[in-house]
Amino acid sequence: MAKSLEDFLIELDTNSDLMKAYEKDPVGTAEQYGLSEEDVKLIKDKNWEEIEKRFADQNKAPRVVHC
């Protein structure tokens, strides 16, 4: 089962190894984490507004790293 974008961003905030990998290769890290093609596309397209909107809808405030 694919993991959610929300789970990925929360883990980025708490897992320094995942963050280091993401800083080097955001798309590859998202794919390896198991995100859906749609979620990987948001990262690839740098669609930060949509990513932030998803968290606003969930009443969460993640740290989003803009690479």
C-alpha atoms as a PDB file:
ATOM      1  CA  MET A   1       0.000   0.000   0.000  1.00  0.00           C
ATOM      2  CA  ALA A   2       1.324   3.409  -0.948  1.00  0.00           C
ATOM      3  CA  LYS A   3       1.990   5.843   1.840  1.00  0.00           C
ATOM      4  CA  SER A   4       0.342   9.241   1.882  1.00  0.00           C
ATOM      5  CA  LEU A   5       1.942  12.552   1.042  1.00  0.00           C
ATOM      6  CA  GLU A   6       0.971  13.750   4.497  1.00  0.00           C
ATOM      7  CA  ASP A   7       2.836  10.845   6.134  1.00  0.00           C
ATOM      8  CA  PHE A   8       5.855  11.544   3.937  1.00  0.00           C
ATOM      9  CA  LEU A   9       6.051  15.216   4.926  1.00  0.00           C
ATOM     10  CA  ILE A  10       5.588  14.428   8.602  1.00  0.00           C
ATOM     11  CA  GLU A  11       8.373  11.854   8.408  1.00  0.00           C
ATOM     12  CA  LEU A  12      10.592  14.363   6.582  1.00  0.00           C
ATOM     13  CA  ASP A  13      10.219  16.605   9.601  1.00  0.00           C
ATOM     14  CA  THR A  14      11.315  13.878  12.028  1.00  0.00           C
ATOM     15  CA  ASN A  15      13.723  11.657  10.056  1.00  0.00           C
ATOM     16  CA  SER A  16      17.042  13.369   9.271  1.00  0.00           C
ATOM     17  CA  ASP A  17      18.191  10.579   6.936  1.00  0.00           C
ATOM     18  CA  LEU A  18      15.019  10.897   4.866  1.00  0.00           C
ATOM     19  CA  MET A  19      15.444  14.690   4.792  1.00  0.00           C
ATOM     20  CA  LYS A  20      19.038  14.370   3.551  1.00  0.00           C
ATOM     21  CA  ALA A  21      17.908  12.020   0.783  1.00  0.00           C
ATOM     22  CA  TYR A  22      15.051  14.378  -0.117  1.00  0.00           C
ATOM     23  CA  GLU A  23      17.384  17.369  -0.315  1.00  0.00           C
ATOM     24  CA  LYS A  24      19.574  15.466  -2.815  1.00  0.00           C
ATOM     25  CA  ASP A  25      16.732  13.936  -4.866  1.00  0.00           C
ATOM     26  CA  PRO A  26      13.181  15.003  -3.925  1.00  0.00           C
ATOM     27  CA  VAL A  27      11.401  13.047  -6.664  1.00  0.00           C
ATOM     28  CA  GLY A  28      13.430   9.853  -6.246  1.00  0.00           C
ATOM     29  CA  THR A  29      12.990   9.947  -2.482  1.00  0.00           C
ATOM     30  CA  ALA A  30       9.232  10.411  -2.831  1.00  0.00           C
ATOM     31  CA  GLU A  31       9.035   7.489  -5.271  1.00  0.00           C
ATOM     32  CA  GLN A  32      11.161   5.265  -3.056  1.00  0.00           C
ATOM     33  CA  TYR A  33       9.004   6.156  -0.041  1.00  0.00           C
ATOM     34  CA  GLY A  34       6.015   4.724  -1.907  1.00  0.00           C
ATOM     35  CA  LEU A  35       3.997   7.819  -2.776  1.00  0.00           C
ATOM     36  CA  SER A  36       1.376   7.635  -5.498  1.00  0.00           C
ATOM     37  CA  GLU A  37       2.200   8.945  -8.961  1.00  0.00           C
ATOM     38  CA  GLU A  38      -0.115  11.896  -8.291  1.00  0.00           C
ATOM     39  CA  ASP A  39       1.732  12.836  -5.099  1.00  0.00           C
ATOM     40  CA  VAL A  40       5.152  12.409  -6.723  1.00  0.00           C
ATOM     41  CA  LYS A  41       3.980  14.691  -9.539  1.00  0.00           C
ATOM     42  CA  LEU A  42       3.127  17.414  -7.000  1.00  0.00           C
ATOM     43  CA  ILE A  43       6.720  17.277  -5.754  1.00  0.00           C
ATOM     44  CA  LYS A  44       8.163  17.068  -9.260  1.00  0.00           C
ATOM     45  CA  ASP A  45       6.078  20.061 -10.380  1.00  0.00           C
ATOM     46  CA  LYS A  46       6.945  21.926  -7.153  1.00  0.00           C
ATOM     47  CA  ASN A  47       3.242  22.490  -6.570  1.00  0.00           C
ATOM     48  CA  TRP A  48       3.758  23.746  -3.012  1.00  0.00           C
ATOM     49  CA  GLU A  49       0.355  25.476  -2.952  1.00  0.00           C
ATOM     50  CA  GLU A  50      -1.497  22.185  -3.456  1.00  0.00           C
ATOM     51  CA  ILE A  51       0.706  20.397  -0.935  1.00  0.00           C
ATOM     52  CA  GLU A  52       0.137  23.122   1.658  1.00  0.00           C
ATOM     53  CA  LYS A  53      -3.607  23.111   0.882  1.00  0.00           C
ATOM     54  CA  ARG A  54      -3.824  19.406   1.638  1.00  0.00           C
ATOM     55  CA  PHE A  55      -2.334  20.007   5.070  1.00  0.00           C
ATOM     56  CA  ALA A  56      -4.554  23.022   5.714  1.00  0.00           C
ATOM     57  CA  ASP A  57      -7.512  20.766   4.996  1.00  0.00           C
ATOM     58  CA  GLN A  58      -6.186  18.358   7.651  1.00  0.00           C
ATOM     59  CA  ASN A  59      -5.428  21.122  10.196  1.00  0.00           C
ATOM     60  CA  LYS A  60      -1.736  20.244  10.116  1.00  0.00           C
ATOM     61  CA  ALA A  61       1.256  22.519   9.631  1.00  0.00           C
ATOM     62  CA  PRO A  62       4.248  20.635   8.205  1.00  0.00           C
ATOM     63  CA  ARG A  63       7.597  22.069   7.317  1.00  0.00           C
ATOM     64  CA  VAL A  64       7.838  21.909   3.531  1.00  0.00           C
ATOM     65  CA  VAL A  65      11.317  22.025   2.041  1.00  0.00           C
ATOM     66  CA  HIS A  66      11.308  23.822  -1.293  1.00  0.00           C
ATOM     67  CA  CYS A  67      14.140  22.400  -3.405  1.00  0.00           C
END
